[in-house]
């Protein structure tokens, strides 16, 4: 596996602790979060009992719970004796199933519960998912001493606000470890392209690809070493069947509730100037009021790694300019946006 050595070492250390752990992992869409967890427990810690559930995008409470129960059956071949309609009952079913499995196989090592794309499960928290999860952690996971509950999400701002920062939330101060997964750096991207994908490229060609795809693992996995860099880009971005053809719109729709296009408007504006704009300048140039809505959108874009705020040098008033730092966003706006 390329990179992720620190994250793997941390997860391995967590598995040796004589206590339960609540791990939160976040990072942008397609960065390799799911791959990292699955790789970790398939290659390094196969002695752990593992359960995985992934939330579904824009699915209601009923559908999410049905999928959850289906996953319990897929992993343990156990079905509930009665209908389950709420998350409290769903987690009770899970803990009883795991308790029975641990007893049946005389399991002595850690129990890993991996909940992926948590923001999709109950984005507005109207279905009671987080409250039930908090109770599940407090009354069973933490008490057991051998459970590692991993919560994962691409919407970094949601994870931070609902789980890490919310003093009123059921998970407040329960998290024992945080993993903010970043894209590959240029060195790791080179290693991935040469070793994993089998490319024979010089440093200039690798840098060119990095300027298009960034270090996003899934994007890089679409590349075909039998094709030139330019053929790959043409196939992936400009063919209607290309894997990157609709990625830009899907990126925003999956991460943000952007029905009025505020997030895209901010991104498109910042792409017009390398040094970026301040909040007041963004408001003036975009007709978005300088208020909570704009500040929240900018904060979430920064949290997800698309933009960065940099203090203006020499200003008596500490004003921050926000600029685009994501290579894929920049490539899209320079070469693809006008053709879309």
Foldseek 3Di string as FASTA:
>chain_A
DFDPPVVLVVVVVQQPDQFEAEEEEEAAPLQCPVVVVVCSCVPPNVLEAEFEDEADAPDDQQVRLVSLQVRLCVRQVDHDPDDDRAQLVSLVVNLVSVVVVCVVVVRDTAYEYEYEAVCRNCVPCPRVNQVSVLCSCVPPRRVVSRYYYYYYHNQQVSCCCAADPPPPTSNYPVHDYYHYRDADALVSQVCCCCPVQPADDDSVQSVVVCLAQPRRPRVSVQDHNVDGPVVSCCQQDVDPPHVCPCVVVVSDVSHHPQPVPLLVLQLLVQLVDAQAAFLVVSCVVRVPDSDDVSVVSLVSCVSNPQKDWDFDPPDPDGTTGIHGDRSNSNCCSVPPPVVD
